[in-house]
C-alpha atoms as a PDB file:
ATOM      1  CA  MET A   1     -34.311   3.536 -35.318  1.00  0.00           C
ATOM      2  CA  ALA A   2     -35.772   0.047 -35.534  1.00  0.00           C
ATOM      3  CA  ASP A   3     -37.034  -1.884 -32.522  1.00  0.00           C
ATOM      4  CA  TYR A   4     -36.151  -5.535 -32.289  1.00  0.00           C
ATOM      5  CA  THR A   5     -38.827  -8.005 -33.468  1.00  0.00           C
ATOM      6  CA  ILE A   6     -38.434 -11.796 -33.275  1.00  0.00           C
ATOM      7  CA  ALA A   7     -37.684 -13.111 -36.767  1.00  0.00           C
ATOM      8  CA  VAL A   8     -38.142 -16.885 -36.300  1.00  0.00           C
ATOM      9  CA  SER A   9     -41.364 -18.437 -34.988  1.00  0.00           C
ATOM     10  CA  TRP A  10     -39.734 -20.480 -32.267  1.00  0.00           C
ATOM     11  CA  SER A  11     -42.947 -21.333 -30.448  1.00  0.00           C
ATOM     12  CA  GLY A  12     -44.591 -22.341 -33.770  1.00  0.00           C
ATOM     13  CA  LYS A  13     -41.975 -25.040 -34.211  1.00  0.00           C
ATOM     14  CA  ASP A  14     -43.094 -26.626 -30.948  1.00  0.00           C
ATOM     15  CA  ALA A  15     -46.621 -27.144 -32.399  1.00  0.00           C
ATOM     16  CA  LEU A  16     -45.342 -29.106 -35.365  1.00  0.00           C
ATOM     17  CA  SER A  17     -45.257 -32.875 -35.277  1.00  0.00           C
ATOM     18  CA  ASP A  18     -41.990 -34.569 -34.669  1.00  0.00           C
ATOM     19  CA  SER A  19     -41.968 -35.893 -38.242  1.00  0.00           C
ATOM     20  CA  ASP A  20     -42.225 -32.361 -39.671  1.00  0.00           C
ATOM     21  CA  ALA A  21     -38.860 -31.240 -41.028  1.00  0.00           C
ATOM     22  CA  ASN A  22     -39.678 -27.597 -40.126  1.00  0.00           C
ATOM     23  CA  LYS A  23     -39.619 -28.533 -36.442  1.00  0.00           C
ATOM     24  CA  VAL A  24     -35.858 -28.896 -36.628  1.00  0.00           C
ATOM     25  CA  ILE A  25     -33.892 -25.824 -35.411  1.00  0.00           C
ATOM     26  CA  SER A  26     -31.140 -25.105 -37.877  1.00  0.00           C
ATOM     27  CA  GLY A  27     -28.093 -22.886 -37.912  1.00  0.00           C
ATOM     28  CA  ALA A  28     -29.878 -20.747 -40.463  1.00  0.00           C
ATOM     29  CA  ASP A  29     -32.621 -20.039 -37.892  1.00  0.00           C
ATOM     30  CA  PHE A  30     -30.042 -18.765 -35.373  1.00  0.00           C
ATOM     31  CA  ASN A  31     -28.312 -16.693 -38.023  1.00  0.00           C
ATOM     32  CA  THR A  32     -31.622 -15.070 -39.018  1.00  0.00           C
ATOM     33  CA  GLU A  33     -32.502 -14.260 -35.407  1.00  0.00           C
ATOM     34  CA  PHE A  34     -29.105 -12.872 -34.379  1.00  0.00           C
ATOM     35  CA  THR A  35     -28.876 -10.803 -37.576  1.00  0.00           C
ATOM     36  CA  THR A  36     -32.219  -9.219 -36.681  1.00  0.00           C
ATOM     37  CA  VAL A  37     -30.962  -8.460 -33.145  1.00  0.00           C
ATOM     38  CA  GLN A  38     -27.742  -6.962 -34.519  1.00  0.00           C
ATOM     39  CA  THR A  39     -29.593  -4.688 -36.928  1.00  0.00           C
ATOM     40  CA  ALA A  40     -31.866  -3.393 -34.158  1.00  0.00           C
ATOM     41  CA  VAL A  41     -29.014  -2.753 -31.740  1.00  0.00           C
ATOM     42  CA  ASN A  42     -26.815  -1.021 -34.290  1.00  0.00           C
ATOM     43  CA  SER A  43     -29.613   1.329 -35.239  1.00  0.00           C
ATOM     44  CA  LYS A  44     -29.968   2.654 -31.710  1.00  0.00           C
ATOM     45  CA  ALA A  45     -28.275   5.946 -30.834  1.00  0.00           C
ATOM     46  CA  ASN A  46     -26.020   6.122 -27.786  1.00  0.00           C
ATOM     47  CA  THR A  47     -27.994   7.050 -24.711  1.00  0.00           C
ATOM     48  CA  ALA A  48     -26.824  10.316 -23.155  1.00  0.00           C
ATOM     49  CA  SER A  49     -26.157  10.566 -19.424  1.00  0.00           C
ATOM     50  CA  PRO A  50     -29.271  11.767 -17.640  1.00  0.00           C
ATOM     51  CA  THR A  51     -29.481  15.273 -16.259  1.00  0.00           C
ATOM     52  CA  LEU A  52     -30.368  14.952 -12.586  1.00  0.00           C
ATOM     53  CA  THR A  53     -32.606  17.445 -10.835  1.00  0.00           C
ATOM     54  CA  GLY A  54     -33.810  17.854  -7.282  1.00  0.00           C
ATOM     55  CA  THR A  55     -31.903  15.854  -4.657  1.00  0.00           C
ATOM     56  CA  PRO A  56     -31.060  12.496  -6.214  1.00  0.00           C
ATOM     57  CA  ALA A  57     -29.804   9.753  -3.908  1.00  0.00           C
ATOM     58  CA  ALA A  58     -27.262   7.026  -4.544  1.00  0.00           C
ATOM     59  CA  PRO A  59     -25.592   4.276  -2.493  1.00  0.00           C
ATOM     60  CA  THR A  60     -22.629   5.503  -0.425  1.00  0.00           C
ATOM     61  CA  ALA A  61     -19.421   3.732  -1.407  1.00  0.00           C
ATOM     62  CA  ALA A  62     -17.061   2.262   1.149  1.00  0.00           C
ATOM     63  CA  VAL A  63     -13.844   4.162   1.862  1.00  0.00           C
ATOM     64  CA  GLY A  64     -11.143   3.090  -0.552  1.00  0.00           C
ATOM     65  CA  THR A  65     -13.550   2.369  -3.423  1.00  0.00           C
ATOM     66  CA  ASP A  66     -11.712   2.924  -6.698  1.00  0.00           C
ATOM     67  CA  SER A  67     -14.271   2.745  -9.475  1.00  0.00           C
ATOM     68  CA  THR A  68     -16.630   4.882 -11.527  1.00  0.00           C
ATOM     69  CA  GLN A  69     -19.286   4.603  -8.812  1.00  0.00           C
ATOM     70  CA  ILE A  70     -20.904   7.902  -7.852  1.00  0.00           C
ATOM     71  CA  ALA A  71     -19.290   9.527  -4.792  1.00  0.00           C
ATOM     72  CA  THR A  72     -22.100  10.848  -2.602  1.00  0.00           C
ATOM     73  CA  THR A  73     -21.745  13.826  -0.268  1.00  0.00           C
ATOM     74  CA  ALA A  74     -21.780  11.358   2.626  1.00  0.00           C
ATOM     75  CA  PHE A  75     -18.795   9.549   1.113  1.00  0.00           C
ATOM     76  CA  VAL A  76     -16.838  12.777   0.621  1.00  0.00           C
ATOM     77  CA  LYS A  77     -17.550  14.061   4.143  1.00  0.00           C
ATOM     78  CA  ASN A  78     -16.582  10.727   5.687  1.00  0.00           C
ATOM     79  CA  VAL A  79     -13.231  10.725   3.896  1.00  0.00           C
ATOM     80  CA  LEU A  80     -12.455  14.351   4.799  1.00  0.00           C
ATOM     81  CA  GLU A  81     -13.584  14.142   8.416  1.00  0.00           C
ATOM     82  CA  ASN A  82     -12.104  10.787   9.374  1.00  0.00           C
ATOM     83  CA  TYR A  83      -9.191  10.173   7.032  1.00  0.00           C
ATOM     84  CA  ILE A  84      -7.815  13.449   5.647  1.00  0.00           C
ATOM     85  CA  TYR A  85      -8.474  15.741   8.641  1.00  0.00           C
ATOM     86  CA  PRO A  86      -9.054  13.499  11.689  1.00  0.00           C
ATOM     87  CA  VAL A  87      -8.789  14.927  15.230  1.00  0.00           C
ATOM     88  CA  GLY A  88      -5.216  16.136  15.759  1.00  0.00           C
ATOM     89  CA  SER A  89      -4.726  17.232  12.149  1.00  0.00           C
ATOM     90  CA  ILE A  90      -3.079  20.525  11.187  1.00  0.00           C
ATOM     91  CA  TYR A  91      -4.730  22.757   8.583  1.00  0.00           C
ATOM     92  CA  MET A  92      -2.786  25.590   6.905  1.00  0.00           C
ATOM     93  CA  ASN A  93      -3.972  28.325   4.568  1.00  0.00           C
ATOM     94  CA  MET A  94      -2.034  31.315   3.269  1.00  0.00           C
ATOM     95  CA  ALA A  95      -4.913  33.170   1.634  1.00  0.00           C
ATOM     96  CA  VAL A  96      -7.918  32.706   3.919  1.00  0.00           C
ATOM     97  CA  ALA A  97      -8.064  33.382   7.661  1.00  0.00           C
ATOM     98  CA  THR A  98     -11.444  31.668   8.106  1.00  0.00           C
ATOM     99  CA  ASN A  99     -11.647  28.883  10.695  1.00  0.00           C
ATOM    100  CA  PRO A 100     -11.548  25.463   8.946  1.00  0.00           C
ATOM    101  CA  GLY A 101     -14.711  24.424  10.804  1.00  0.00           C
ATOM    102  CA  THR A 102     -16.553  26.955   8.657  1.00  0.00           C
ATOM    103  CA  LEU A 103     -14.700  26.102   5.455  1.00  0.00           C
ATOM    104  CA  LEU A 104     -14.974  22.307   5.742  1.00  0.00           C
ATOM    105  CA  GLY A 105     -18.253  22.064   7.643  1.00  0.00           C
ATOM    106  CA  PHE A 106     -17.025  19.829  10.479  1.00  0.00           C
ATOM    107  CA  GLY A 107     -14.765  19.687  13.516  1.00  0.00           C
ATOM    108  CA  THR A 108     -13.581  22.049  16.240  1.00  0.00           C
ATOM    109  CA  TRP A 109     -10.445  23.961  15.256  1.00  0.00           C
ATOM    110  CA  VAL A 110      -8.172  26.283  17.262  1.00  0.00           C
ATOM    111  CA  ALA A 111      -5.317  28.552  16.185  1.00  0.00           C
ATOM    112  CA  TYR A 112      -2.085  26.627  16.571  1.00  0.00           C
ATOM    113  CA  ALA A 113       1.687  27.231  16.866  1.00  0.00           C
ATOM    114  CA  THR A 114       1.455  31.001  16.438  1.00  0.00           C
ATOM    115  CA  GLY A 115       4.926  32.410  15.828  1.00  0.00           C
ATOM    116  CA  GLN A 116       6.427  28.922  15.553  1.00  0.00           C
ATOM    117  CA  VAL A 117       7.458  26.466  12.843  1.00  0.00           C
ATOM    118  CA  LEU A 118       6.776  22.726  12.753  1.00  0.00           C
ATOM    119  CA  VAL A 119       9.396  19.995  13.073  1.00  0.00           C
ATOM    120  CA  GLY A 120       9.111  16.247  12.471  1.00  0.00           C
ATOM    121  CA  TYR A 121       8.848  13.844  15.404  1.00  0.00           C
ATOM    122  CA  GLU A 122      11.847  11.641  16.235  1.00  0.00           C
ATOM    123  CA  ALA A 123      11.818   8.549  18.432  1.00  0.00           C
ATOM    124  CA  SER A 124      14.582   9.861  20.698  1.00  0.00           C
ATOM    125  CA  GLY A 125      16.424  13.148  21.071  1.00  0.00           C
ATOM    126  CA  THR A 126      15.307  16.758  21.251  1.00  0.00           C
ATOM    127  CA  PHE A 127      12.067  16.199  19.301  1.00  0.00           C
ATOM    128  CA  ASP A 128      10.815  13.004  20.964  1.00  0.00           C
ATOM    129  CA  ALA A 129       7.576  14.473  22.394  1.00  0.00           C
ATOM    130  CA  LEU A 130       4.561  15.579  20.348  1.00  0.00           C
ATOM    131  CA  ASP A 131       2.958  19.013  20.719  1.00  0.00           C
ATOM    132  CA  GLU A 132       6.020  20.336  22.568  1.00  0.00           C
ATOM    133  CA  SER A 133       7.150  23.965  22.249  1.00  0.00           C
ATOM    134  CA  LEU A 134      10.935  24.365  22.066  1.00  0.00           C
ATOM    135  CA  GLY A 135      13.413  27.179  21.487  1.00  0.00           C
ATOM    136  CA  ALA A 136      13.005  30.933  21.192  1.00  0.00           C
ATOM    137  CA  GLU A 137      13.335  33.517  18.454  1.00  0.00           C
ATOM    138  CA  THR A 138      16.127  35.448  20.239  1.00  0.00           C
ATOM    139  CA  PHE A 139      18.583  34.767  23.038  1.00  0.00           C
ATOM    140  CA  SER A 140      20.718  36.836  25.441  1.00  0.00           C
ATOM    141  CA  GLY A 141      22.630  36.281  28.643  1.00  0.00           C
ATOM    142  CA  THR A 142      26.036  36.214  30.297  1.00  0.00           C
ATOM    143  CA  SER A 143      28.711  33.640  30.907  1.00  0.00           C
ATOM    144  CA  GLY A 144      31.658  33.732  33.318  1.00  0.00           C
ATOM    145  CA  SER A 145      32.173  36.759  35.608  1.00  0.00           C
ATOM    146  CA  THR A 146      33.356  40.377  35.452  1.00  0.00           C
ATOM    147  CA  ALA A 147      36.976  41.511  34.930  1.00  0.00           C
ATOM    148  CA  ALA A 148      37.038  42.947  38.433  1.00  0.00           C
ATOM    149  CA  ASP A 149      36.598  39.418  39.773  1.00  0.00           C
ATOM    150  CA  LEU A 150      39.827  38.136  38.244  1.00  0.00           C
ATOM    151  CA  ALA A 151      42.744  37.283  40.560  1.00  0.00           C
ATOM    152  CA  ALA A 152      45.478  39.954  40.621  1.00  0.00           C
ATOM    153  CA  HIS A 153      48.047  39.138  37.949  1.00  0.00           C
ATOM    154  CA  SER A 154      50.464  40.592  35.378  1.00  0.00           C
ATOM    155  CA  HIS A 155      51.666  39.611  31.899  1.00  0.00           C
ATOM    156  CA  LYS A 156      55.354  39.364  30.831  1.00  0.00           C
ATOM    157  CA  VAL A 157      56.464  40.771  27.467  1.00  0.00           C
ATOM    158  CA  ALA A 158      59.907  39.586  26.202  1.00  0.00           C
ATOM    159  CA  GLY A 159      62.075  41.301  23.559  1.00  0.00           C
ATOM    160  CA  GLY A 160      65.637  42.328  22.539  1.00  0.00           C
ATOM    161  CA  GLU A 161      67.707  45.007  20.774  1.00  0.00           C
ATOM    162  CA  HIS A 162      71.212  45.289  19.373  1.00  0.00           C
ATOM    163  CA  GLU A 163      73.719  47.973  18.173  1.00  0.00           C
ATOM    164  CA  THR A 164      76.768  47.751  15.896  1.00  0.00           C
ATOM    165  CA  GLY A 165      79.902  49.989  15.933  1.00  0.00           C
ATOM    166  CA  SER A 166      83.697  50.238  16.565  1.00  0.00           C
ATOM    167  CA  TYR A 167      85.228  50.357  19.978  1.00  0.00           C
ATOM    168  CA  ASP A 168      88.606  51.758  21.102  1.00  0.00           C
ATOM    169  CA  TYR A 169      89.789  49.669  23.982  1.00  0.00           C
ATOM    170  CA  GLY A 170      91.910  52.617  25.108  1.00  0.00           C
ATOM    171  CA  THR A 171      90.236  55.887  24.229  1.00  0.00           C
ATOM    172  CA  ASN A 172      87.578  56.628  21.577  1.00  0.00           C
ATOM    173  CA  PHE A 173      85.520  55.101  18.757  1.00  0.00           C
ATOM    174  CA  ASN A 174      87.420  55.324  15.455  1.00  0.00           C
ATOM    175  CA  ALA A 175      86.278  53.694  12.264  1.00  0.00           C
ATOM    176  CA  ASP A 176      89.831  53.588  10.858  1.00  0.00           C
ATOM    177  CA  ASN A 177      91.699  51.629  13.476  1.00  0.00           C
ATOM    178  CA  LEU A 178      89.135  50.155  15.855  1.00  0.00           C
ATOM    179  CA  GLY A 179      87.686  46.711  15.844  1.00  0.00           C
ATOM    180  CA  SER A 180      83.962  46.184  15.069  1.00  0.00           C
ATOM    181  CA  VAL A 181      81.617  44.863  17.785  1.00  0.00           C
ATOM    182  CA  THR A 182      77.888  44.087  18.021  1.00  0.00           C
ATOM    183  CA  THR A 183      76.133  44.329  21.354  1.00  0.00           C
ATOM    184  CA  VAL A 184      72.793  42.500  21.984  1.00  0.00           C
ATOM    185  CA  ARG A 185      70.624  43.208  24.977  1.00  0.00           C
ATOM    186  CA  ALA A 186      67.581  41.118  25.954  1.00  0.00           C
ATOM    187  CA  TYR A 187      64.859  42.403  28.196  1.00  0.00           C
ATOM    188  CA  GLN A 188      61.534  41.310  29.802  1.00  0.00           C
ATOM    189  CA  VAL A 189      58.848  43.754  30.875  1.00  0.00           C
ATOM    190  CA  ASP A 190      56.015  43.085  33.305  1.00  0.00           C
ATOM    191  CA  THR A 191      52.688  44.756  32.592  1.00  0.00           C
ATOM    192  CA  SER A 192      50.740  46.451  35.338  1.00  0.00           C
ATOM    193  CA  SER A 193      48.655  44.278  37.617  1.00  0.00           C
ATOM    194  CA  ALA A 194      44.966  43.778  36.757  1.00  0.00           C
ATOM    195  CA  GLY A 195      42.041  42.030  38.387  1.00  0.00           C
ATOM    196  CA  SER A 196      41.112  41.374  41.975  1.00  0.00           C
ATOM    197  CA  GLY A 197      40.082  37.708  42.072  1.00  0.00           C
ATOM    198  CA  GLY A 198      37.236  35.478  40.835  1.00  0.00           C
ATOM    199  CA  GLY A 199      35.976  35.037  37.295  1.00  0.00           C
ATOM    200  CA  HIS A 200      34.507  37.276  34.619  1.00  0.00           C
ATOM    201  CA  THR A 201      31.495  37.411  32.314  1.00  0.00           C
ATOM    202  CA  HIS A 202      30.845  37.877  28.586  1.00  0.00           C
ATOM    203  CA  THR A 203      27.471  39.241  27.461  1.00  0.00           C
ATOM    204  CA  ILE A 204      26.037  37.392  24.446  1.00  0.00           C
ATOM    205  CA  ALA A 205      22.955  38.099  22.325  1.00  0.00           C
ATOM    206  CA  GLY A 206      21.687  37.029  18.925  1.00  0.00           C
ATOM    207  CA  SER A 207      18.882  35.466  16.904  1.00  0.00           C
ATOM    208  CA  THR A 208      17.906  31.860  16.237  1.00  0.00           C
ATOM    209  CA  LEU A 209      15.296  32.756  13.603  1.00  0.00           C
ATOM    210  CA  GLN A 210      15.462  30.378  10.658  1.00  0.00           C
ATOM    211  CA  PRO A 211      14.179  31.082   7.117  1.00  0.00           C
ATOM    212  CA  SER A 212      10.380  30.834   7.430  1.00  0.00           C
ATOM    213  CA  VAL A 213       7.071  31.519   5.676  1.00  0.00           C
ATOM    214  CA  THR A 214       4.027  32.737   7.622  1.00  0.00           C
ATOM    215  CA  VAL A 215       0.632  31.032   7.185  1.00  0.00           C
ATOM    216  CA  HIS A 216      -2.659  30.708   9.039  1.00  0.00           C
ATOM    217  CA  MET A 217      -2.529  27.449  10.986  1.00  0.00           C
ATOM    218  CA  TRP A 218      -5.152  25.540  12.989  1.00  0.00           C
ATOM    219  CA  LYS A 219      -5.284  22.257  14.879  1.00  0.00           C
ATOM    220  CA  ARG A 220      -8.417  20.094  15.025  1.00  0.00           C
ATOM    221  CA  THR A 221      -9.303  19.294  18.640  1.00  0.00           C
ATOM    222  CA  ALA A 222     -12.695  17.587  18.217  1.00  0.00           C
END
């Protein structure tokens, strides 16, 4: 690998008299000098990145820097603590139950929304307040009143029946010489009375549990 050495005596030209033709700087002089520089540069091997030891320091970049500048530990902590997980953030982990304060190295974290799922905030409606617990996993109760409270009443059932045959206007039925007649009878039956006044109740029970996945969840409070 060759080091660069000046090829043209530039300062020597200054000592020449103005009438000396060698005092003139020509294109050939520049070509000679730049060729020498090129040869020296091209002969140099690429410099490998240094291997740092100890605790090297570097300038801390501003948040939002998008370059090849080194990201210091101060830069990383600032982004995590103030922009990714600021106070009020929710941290979830399915594999580790360790408090995020220990994992991340900053903040005060408390277990949050145990046995609950999260829902997005809306400007108006059921979900218009933050950090509000709503609903329940199961429900049960009654509506109305008991059957004994009903007012006394009955129900009507209507129906009809008919029969076909011959009729002797004088004596007996006889299929040979009697006219044919069909008789239809309608009827209406009242059921027995039930109830004693008031209303009645229906017992209801069920589940409101939606499809869910369980995770460890914390909220940063400080």
